[in-house]
């Protein structure tokens, strides 16, 4: 995947608004969606979905998924 930072505040701490990454297919540069990394969790927005309509998971849920303790 190709990732681009779309918005980045220069602060050392990630604020509540977070950081937005644009995700593109490496072969044809097709826009797949955006991912927001913030204090409250991670939000995936498929295609042109707005952040408010994206799918959000808390950090605890994300960590459980990555460690294989939760499926889904």
Protein backbone atom coordinates (compact mmCIF):
# COMPACT_ATOMS: atom_id res chain seq x y z
CA UNK A 1 0.00 0.00 0.00
CA UNK A 2 1.06 3.55 -0.57
CA UNK A 3 0.54 5.86 2.41
CA UNK A 4 0.66 9.62 2.37
CA UNK A 5 0.30 11.98 5.29
CA UNK A 6 -2.52 14.33 4.33
CA UNK A 7 -2.49 16.46 7.44
CA UNK A 8 0.16 16.66 10.16
CA UNK A 9 0.41 18.99 13.12
CA UNK A 10 4.01 19.59 14.16
CA UNK A 11 3.28 18.95 17.85
CA UNK A 12 5.00 15.98 19.46
CA UNK A 13 1.75 14.70 20.97
CA UNK A 14 -1.07 13.57 18.70
CA UNK A 15 -4.08 15.75 19.43
CA UNK A 16 -7.71 14.73 19.54
CA UNK A 17 -8.07 15.56 15.82
CA UNK A 18 -5.20 13.18 15.07
CA UNK A 19 -3.20 12.49 11.94
CA UNK A 20 -4.78 11.59 8.60
CA UNK A 21 -3.18 9.13 6.18
CA UNK A 22 -4.27 8.58 2.59
CA UNK A 23 -4.12 4.91 1.51
CA UNK A 24 -3.59 4.09 -2.18
CA UNK A 25 -3.10 0.91 -4.18
CA UNK A 26 0.59 0.71 -5.16
CA UNK A 27 -0.02 -0.73 -8.64
CA UNK A 28 -2.39 1.88 -10.04
CA UNK A 29 -2.44 4.58 -7.33
CA UNK A 30 -6.19 3.98 -6.81
CA UNK A 31 -7.47 5.75 -3.68
CA UNK A 32 -8.66 3.08 -1.22
CA UNK A 33 -9.50 5.33 1.71
CA UNK A 34 -8.15 7.32 4.62
CA UNK A 35 -7.09 6.32 8.11
CA UNK A 36 -7.12 8.65 11.10
CA UNK A 37 -4.85 8.01 14.07
CA UNK A 38 -5.98 9.92 17.17
CA UNK A 39 -5.95 9.79 20.96
CA UNK A 40 -9.34 8.07 21.02
CA UNK A 41 -8.51 5.35 18.51
CA UNK A 42 -8.22 4.57 14.82
CA UNK A 43 -10.83 5.42 12.19
CA UNK A 44 -10.94 3.81 8.72
CA UNK A 45 -12.83 5.64 5.96
CA UNK A 46 -13.23 3.48 2.85
CA UNK A 47 -13.14 5.38 -0.43
CA UNK A 48 -14.45 8.92 -0.04
CA UNK A 49 -16.22 8.28 3.27
CA UNK A 50 -16.15 11.23 5.64
CA UNK A 51 -14.49 10.78 9.04
CA UNK A 52 -17.85 11.09 10.83
CA UNK A 53 -19.11 8.06 8.87
CA UNK A 54 -15.95 5.96 9.17
CA UNK A 55 -15.42 2.85 11.26
CA UNK A 56 -13.67 3.61 14.55
CA UNK A 57 -12.02 1.24 17.00
CA UNK A 58 -10.55 2.09 20.38
CA UNK A 59 -6.87 1.56 21.05
CA UNK A 60 -7.68 -1.35 23.37
CA UNK A 61 -9.75 -3.08 20.67
CA UNK A 62 -7.05 -2.45 18.05
CA UNK A 63 -4.36 -3.90 20.33
CA UNK A 64 -6.51 -6.98 20.99
CA UNK A 65 -7.02 -7.50 17.24
CA UNK A 66 -3.29 -7.18 16.57
CA UNK A 67 -2.43 -9.56 19.39
CA UNK A 68 -4.99 -12.09 18.12
CA UNK A 69 -7.26 -12.00 21.17
CA UNK A 70 -10.28 -10.69 19.33
CA UNK A 71 -11.66 -11.67 15.93
CA UNK A 72 -13.72 -9.44 13.72
